[in-house]
């Protein structure tokens, strides 16, 4: 005896991936299950985030706060340079490890016999 499952408006992980990649839409997924997409609309209860222009934000900050922002930007540059430096060090270590045994030469049988014996 087989079980029957009720179709719900819940999205599976696979559906979420397909929607995120733009392969399908939420409405198409619901329609493929035989459901009406209008019955399962996502309700927007959360208010929209407030948007400020850069001028409004800078006008609301005092001189000390602006100085702190400048310092933070300086640290961001340092962090970026540190990450590049670490990445380059890792590349050099990897290259040194690969070149540890020197060069590889193609040789023929006669050369091998002469070198090995």
N, C-alpha and C. Protein backbone atom coordinates (compact mmCIF):
# COMPACT_ATOMS: atom_id res chain seq x y z
N UNK A 1 0.85 -1.17 0.00
CA UNK A 1 0.00 0.00 0.00
C UNK A 1 0.90 1.24 0.00
N UNK A 2 0.69 2.13 -0.92
CA UNK A 2 1.55 3.31 -1.03
C UNK A 2 0.96 4.48 -0.27
N UNK A 3 1.84 5.34 0.16
CA UNK A 3 1.42 6.53 0.88
C UNK A 3 1.18 7.65 -0.12
N UNK A 4 0.29 8.53 0.23
CA UNK A 4 0.07 9.72 -0.60
C UNK A 4 0.48 10.93 0.22
N UNK A 5 1.06 11.90 -0.45
CA UNK A 5 1.53 13.09 0.21
C UNK A 5 0.77 14.29 -0.33
N UNK A 6 0.45 15.19 0.56
CA UNK A 6 -0.26 16.41 0.17
C UNK A 6 0.74 17.40 -0.41
N UNK A 7 0.38 18.03 -1.52
CA UNK A 7 1.23 19.05 -2.12
C UNK A 7 1.14 20.32 -1.29
N UNK A 8 2.29 20.86 -0.96
CA UNK A 8 2.33 22.10 -0.19
C UNK A 8 3.09 23.14 -0.99
N UNK A 9 3.06 24.34 -0.51
CA UNK A 9 3.77 25.43 -1.17
C UNK A 9 5.21 25.55 -0.74
N UNK A 10 5.69 24.61 0.07
CA UNK A 10 7.07 24.66 0.54
C UNK A 10 8.02 24.32 -0.60
N UNK A 11 9.11 25.05 -0.64
CA UNK A 11 10.13 24.81 -1.66
C UNK A 11 11.17 23.84 -1.11
N UNK A 12 11.62 22.94 -1.95
CA UNK A 12 12.70 22.05 -1.56
C UNK A 12 14.03 22.76 -1.79
N UNK A 13 15.07 22.17 -1.28
CA UNK A 13 16.40 22.75 -1.48
C UNK A 13 16.73 22.81 -2.97
N UNK A 14 16.33 21.77 -3.69
CA UNK A 14 16.57 21.72 -5.14
C UNK A 14 15.81 22.85 -5.84
N UNK A 15 14.57 23.07 -5.44
CA UNK A 15 13.79 24.17 -6.03
C UNK A 15 14.46 25.51 -5.77
N UNK A 16 14.95 25.70 -4.55
CA UNK A 16 15.62 26.96 -4.20
C UNK A 16 16.85 27.19 -5.08
N UNK A 17 17.60 26.13 -5.34
CA UNK A 17 18.80 26.26 -6.17
C UNK A 17 18.41 26.64 -7.59
N UNK A 18 17.40 25.95 -8.14
CA UNK A 18 16.95 26.26 -9.51
C UNK A 18 16.45 27.69 -9.62
N UNK A 19 15.74 28.16 -8.61
CA UNK A 19 15.23 29.53 -8.62
C UNK A 19 16.40 30.51 -8.51
N UNK A 20 17.36 30.22 -7.64
CA UNK A 20 18.50 31.11 -7.45
C UNK A 20 19.32 31.23 -8.73
N UNK A 21 19.49 30.13 -9.46
CA UNK A 21 20.28 30.13 -10.69
C UNK A 21 19.50 30.72 -11.86
N UNK A 22 18.21 31.00 -11.67
CA UNK A 22 17.41 31.59 -12.73
C UNK A 22 16.90 30.57 -13.74
N UNK A 23 16.95 29.30 -13.40
CA UNK A 23 16.51 28.25 -14.31
C UNK A 23 14.99 28.17 -14.33
N UNK A 24 14.37 28.41 -13.21
CA UNK A 24 12.91 28.38 -13.12
C UNK A 24 12.46 29.47 -12.15
N UNK A 25 11.15 29.63 -12.05
CA UNK A 25 10.60 30.61 -11.12
C UNK A 25 9.77 29.89 -10.06
N UNK A 26 9.49 30.59 -9.00
CA UNK A 26 8.67 30.02 -7.93
C UNK A 26 7.28 29.66 -8.45
N UNK A 27 6.74 30.53 -9.29
CA UNK A 27 5.41 30.26 -9.84
C UNK A 27 5.42 29.00 -10.70
N UNK A 28 6.48 28.81 -11.50
CA UNK A 28 6.55 27.63 -12.36
C UNK A 28 6.64 26.35 -11.53
N UNK A 29 7.38 26.40 -10.42
CA UNK A 29 7.50 25.23 -9.55
C UNK A 29 6.14 24.89 -8.95
N UNK A 30 5.43 25.90 -8.48
CA UNK A 30 4.12 25.65 -7.88
C UNK A 30 3.14 25.13 -8.92
N UNK A 31 3.19 25.69 -10.13
CA UNK A 31 2.29 25.21 -11.19
C UNK A 31 2.61 23.77 -11.57
N UNK A 32 3.89 23.39 -11.55
CA UNK A 32 4.25 22.02 -11.90
C UNK A 32 3.72 21.02 -10.87
N UNK A 33 3.46 21.50 -9.67
CA UNK A 33 2.87 20.65 -8.63
C UNK A 33 1.35 20.68 -8.66
N UNK A 34 0.79 21.43 -9.59
CA UNK A 34 -0.65 21.52 -9.70
C UNK A 34 -1.26 22.49 -8.71
N UNK A 35 -0.48 23.46 -8.24
CA UNK A 35 -0.96 24.43 -7.27
C UNK A 35 -1.10 25.79 -7.92
N UNK A 36 -1.95 26.61 -7.35
CA UNK A 36 -2.14 27.97 -7.83
C UNK A 36 -1.11 28.87 -7.13
N UNK A 37 -0.22 29.52 -7.89
CA UNK A 37 0.82 30.35 -7.27
C UNK A 37 0.25 31.51 -6.45
N UNK A 38 -0.94 32.00 -6.80
CA UNK A 38 -1.54 33.11 -6.05
C UNK A 38 -1.89 32.71 -4.62
N UNK A 39 -2.14 31.43 -4.40
CA UNK A 39 -2.47 30.96 -3.05
C UNK A 39 -1.24 30.92 -2.14
N UNK A 40 -0.07 30.95 -2.73
CA UNK A 40 1.16 30.78 -1.96
C UNK A 40 2.10 31.97 -2.12
N UNK A 41 1.56 33.14 -2.27
CA UNK A 41 2.40 34.34 -2.39
C UNK A 41 3.12 34.59 -1.06
N UNK A 42 4.37 35.01 -1.16
CA UNK A 42 5.14 35.34 0.04
C UNK A 42 4.66 36.68 0.55
N UNK A 43 4.28 36.70 1.81
CA UNK A 43 3.78 37.93 2.41
C UNK A 43 4.95 38.77 2.87
N UNK A 44 4.92 40.03 2.54
CA UNK A 44 5.99 40.94 2.93
C UNK A 44 5.56 41.71 4.17
N UNK A 45 5.81 41.11 5.33
CA UNK A 45 5.45 41.75 6.58
C UNK A 45 6.51 42.74 7.03
N UNK A 46 7.75 42.48 6.67
CA UNK A 46 8.84 43.34 7.11
C UNK A 46 8.81 44.65 6.33
N UNK A 47 9.00 45.76 7.03
CA UNK A 47 9.04 47.04 6.31
C UNK A 47 10.28 47.13 5.44
N UNK A 48 10.17 47.89 4.40
CA UNK A 48 11.30 48.06 3.49
C UNK A 48 12.42 48.79 4.23
N UNK A 49 13.67 48.42 3.98
CA UNK A 49 14.77 49.10 4.66
C UNK A 49 14.86 50.55 4.22
N UNK A 50 15.25 51.39 5.15
CA UNK A 50 15.39 52.81 4.84
C UNK A 50 16.63 53.01 3.99
N UNK A 51 16.49 53.85 2.99
CA UNK A 51 17.62 54.12 2.12
C UNK A 51 18.02 55.58 2.29
N UNK A 52 19.30 55.78 2.52
CA UNK A 52 19.84 57.12 2.68
C UNK A 52 20.86 57.37 1.59
N UNK A 53 20.95 58.61 1.18
CA UNK A 53 22.00 58.96 0.24
C UNK A 53 23.30 59.16 1.00
N UNK A 54 24.40 59.14 0.29
CA UNK A 54 25.70 59.30 0.94
C UNK A 54 25.80 60.67 1.60
N UNK A 55 25.22 61.68 0.98
CA UNK A 55 25.27 63.02 1.55
C UNK A 55 24.52 63.08 2.88
N UNK A 56 23.37 62.40 2.95
CA UNK A 56 22.60 62.39 4.20
C UNK A 56 23.38 61.70 5.31
N UNK A 57 24.03 60.60 4.97
CA UNK A 57 24.80 59.88 5.98
C UNK A 57 25.99 60.71 6.47
N UNK A 58 26.70 61.33 5.54
CA UNK A 58 27.86 62.13 5.93
C UNK A 58 27.44 63.37 6.71
N UNK A 59 26.26 63.92 6.39
CA UNK A 59 25.77 65.09 7.12
C UNK A 59 25.39 64.75 8.54
N UNK A 60 24.99 63.50 8.79
CA UNK A 60 24.57 63.10 10.13
C UNK A 60 25.77 62.77 11.02
N UNK A 61 26.94 62.58 10.45
CA UNK A 61 28.12 62.22 11.23
C UNK A 61 28.90 63.47 11.63
N UNK A 62 29.48 63.44 12.82
CA UNK A 62 30.33 64.56 13.24
C UNK A 62 31.78 64.29 12.81
N UNK A 63 32.67 65.21 13.10
CA UNK A 63 34.06 65.11 12.63
C UNK A 63 34.77 63.88 13.19
N UNK A 64 34.53 63.56 14.47
CA UNK A 64 35.19 62.40 15.07
C UNK A 64 34.75 61.10 14.39
N UNK A 65 33.47 61.01 14.10
CA UNK A 65 32.96 59.81 13.44
C UNK A 65 33.52 59.68 12.03
N UNK A 66 33.67 60.82 11.34
CA UNK A 66 34.26 60.79 10.00
C UNK A 66 35.71 60.33 10.05
N UNK A 67 36.45 60.76 11.07
CA UNK A 67 37.84 60.32 11.23
C UNK A 67 37.91 58.81 11.45
N UNK A 68 36.97 58.29 12.24
CA UNK A 68 36.94 56.85 12.49
C UNK A 68 36.67 56.09 11.19
N UNK A 69 35.79 56.63 10.35
CA UNK A 69 35.52 55.99 9.07
C UNK A 69 36.77 55.96 8.21
N UNK A 70 37.52 57.05 8.20
CA UNK A 70 38.76 57.09 7.43
C UNK A 70 39.75 56.05 7.93
N UNK A 71 39.85 55.89 9.25
CA UNK A 71 40.76 54.90 9.81
C UNK A 71 40.33 53.49 9.41
N UNK A 72 39.04 53.23 9.42
CA UNK A 72 38.55 51.92 9.03
C UNK A 72 38.90 51.61 7.58
N UNK A 73 38.80 52.62 6.71
CA UNK A 73 39.15 52.40 5.31
C UNK A 73 40.62 52.08 5.16
N UNK A 74 41.46 52.72 5.98
CA UNK A 74 42.89 52.43 5.93
C UNK A 74 43.15 50.98 6.32
N UNK A 75 42.45 50.50 7.34
CA UNK A 75 42.62 49.11 7.75
C UNK A 75 42.13 48.16 6.68
N UNK A 76 41.09 48.53 5.97
CA UNK A 76 40.57 47.68 4.90
C UNK A 76 41.63 47.50 3.82
N UNK A 77 42.34 48.60 3.47
CA UNK A 77 43.40 48.49 2.47
C UNK A 77 44.51 47.57 2.97
N UNK A 78 44.85 47.70 4.23
CA UNK A 78 45.90 46.87 4.80
C UNK A 78 45.49 45.40 4.78
N UNK A 79 44.24 45.14 5.11
CA UNK A 79 43.76 43.76 5.10
C UNK A 79 43.81 43.18 3.69
N UNK A 80 43.44 43.98 2.70
CA UNK A 80 43.48 43.51 1.32
C UNK A 80 44.91 43.20 0.90
N UNK A 81 45.83 44.10 1.23
CA UNK A 81 47.23 43.87 0.89
C UNK A 81 47.79 42.65 1.61
N UNK A 82 47.40 42.46 2.87
CA UNK A 82 47.85 41.29 3.62
C UNK A 82 47.34 40.00 2.98
N UNK A 83 46.09 40.02 2.52
CA UNK A 83 45.55 38.82 1.88
C UNK A 83 46.28 38.53 0.57
N UNK A 84 46.59 39.58 -0.23
CA UNK A 84 47.36 39.38 -1.46
C UNK A 84 48.75 38.84 -1.15
N UNK A 85 49.38 39.40 -0.12
CA UNK A 85 50.71 38.97 0.27
C UNK A 85 50.70 37.50 0.68
N UNK A 86 49.73 37.11 1.48
CA UNK A 86 49.64 35.72 1.93
C UNK A 86 49.38 34.79 0.75
N UNK A 87 48.55 35.23 -0.18
CA UNK A 87 48.25 34.43 -1.36
C UNK A 87 49.52 34.22 -2.20
N UNK A 88 50.31 35.28 -2.36
CA UNK A 88 51.55 35.19 -3.14
C UNK A 88 52.57 34.29 -2.44
N UNK A 89 52.67 34.39 -1.12
CA UNK A 89 53.58 33.52 -0.37
C UNK A 89 53.19 32.06 -0.57
N UNK A 90 51.90 31.78 -0.52
CA UNK A 90 51.43 30.40 -0.74
C UNK A 90 51.78 29.92 -2.14
N UNK A 91 51.65 30.80 -3.14
CA UNK A 91 52.00 30.42 -4.51
C UNK A 91 53.49 30.10 -4.62
N UNK A 92 54.33 30.92 -3.99
CA UNK A 92 55.77 30.68 -4.04
C UNK A 92 56.15 29.39 -3.33
N UNK A 93 55.52 29.11 -2.20
CA UNK A 93 55.79 27.85 -1.49
C UNK A 93 55.39 26.65 -2.34
N UNK A 94 54.26 26.76 -3.02
CA UNK A 94 53.79 25.68 -3.87
C UNK A 94 54.76 25.45 -5.03
N UNK A 95 55.23 26.55 -5.64
CA UNK A 95 56.18 26.44 -6.75
C UNK A 95 57.50 25.82 -6.27
N UNK A 96 57.96 26.20 -5.09
CA UNK A 96 59.20 25.64 -4.55
C UNK A 96 59.04 24.15 -4.27
N UNK A 97 57.88 23.75 -3.80
CA UNK A 97 57.64 22.34 -3.52
C UNK A 97 57.64 21.53 -4.81
N UNK A 98 57.03 22.07 -5.86
CA UNK A 98 56.96 21.37 -7.14
C UNK A 98 58.34 21.24 -7.77
N UNK A 99 59.21 22.23 -7.60
CA UNK A 99 60.53 22.22 -8.22
C UNK A 99 61.58 21.57 -7.34
N UNK A 100 61.18 20.86 -6.34
CA UNK A 100 62.10 20.27 -5.37
C UNK A 100 63.02 19.24 -6.01
N UNK A 101 62.54 18.51 -6.99
CA UNK A 101 63.32 17.44 -7.57
C UNK A 101 64.07 17.87 -8.83
N UNK A 102 64.07 19.12 -9.17
CA UNK A 102 64.79 19.58 -10.35
C UNK A 102 63.97 19.39 -11.61
N UNK A 103 64.68 19.08 -12.71
CA UNK A 103 64.02 18.99 -14.00
C UNK A 103 63.78 17.53 -14.38
N UNK A 104 62.85 17.32 -15.27
CA UNK A 104 62.55 15.99 -15.79
C UNK A 104 62.96 15.98 -17.26
N UNK A 105 63.75 15.00 -17.63
CA UNK A 105 64.21 14.88 -19.00
C UNK A 105 63.66 13.60 -19.61
N UNK A 106 63.31 13.66 -20.88
CA UNK A 106 62.94 12.46 -21.61
C UNK A 106 64.23 11.82 -22.12
N UNK A 107 64.42 10.54 -21.81
CA UNK A 107 65.63 9.85 -22.26
C UNK A 107 65.23 8.57 -22.97
N UNK A 108 66.14 8.07 -23.76
CA UNK A 108 65.92 6.80 -24.45
C UNK A 108 66.60 5.69 -23.65
N UNK A 109 66.39 4.47 -24.09
CA UNK A 109 66.89 3.31 -23.34
C UNK A 109 68.41 3.34 -23.18
N UNK A 110 69.11 3.70 -24.23
CA UNK A 110 70.58 3.71 -24.16
C UNK A 110 71.07 4.71 -23.13
N UNK A 111 70.45 5.87 -23.07
CA UNK A 111 70.85 6.87 -22.07
C UNK A 111 70.55 6.37 -20.66
N UNK A 112 69.44 5.70 -20.49
CA UNK A 112 69.06 5.19 -19.17
C UNK A 112 70.07 4.15 -18.70
N UNK A 113 70.44 3.27 -19.59
CA UNK A 113 71.41 2.22 -19.23
C UNK A 113 72.74 2.86 -18.84
N UNK A 114 73.18 3.85 -19.58
CA UNK A 114 74.46 4.50 -19.30
C UNK A 114 74.40 5.24 -17.96
N UNK A 115 73.29 5.92 -17.66
CA UNK A 115 73.19 6.72 -16.44
C UNK A 115 72.97 5.86 -15.20
N UNK A 116 72.23 4.78 -15.33
CA UNK A 116 71.86 3.98 -14.16
C UNK A 116 72.92 2.95 -13.82
N UNK A 117 73.56 2.35 -14.82
CA UNK A 117 74.53 1.29 -14.51
C UNK A 117 75.93 1.80 -14.35
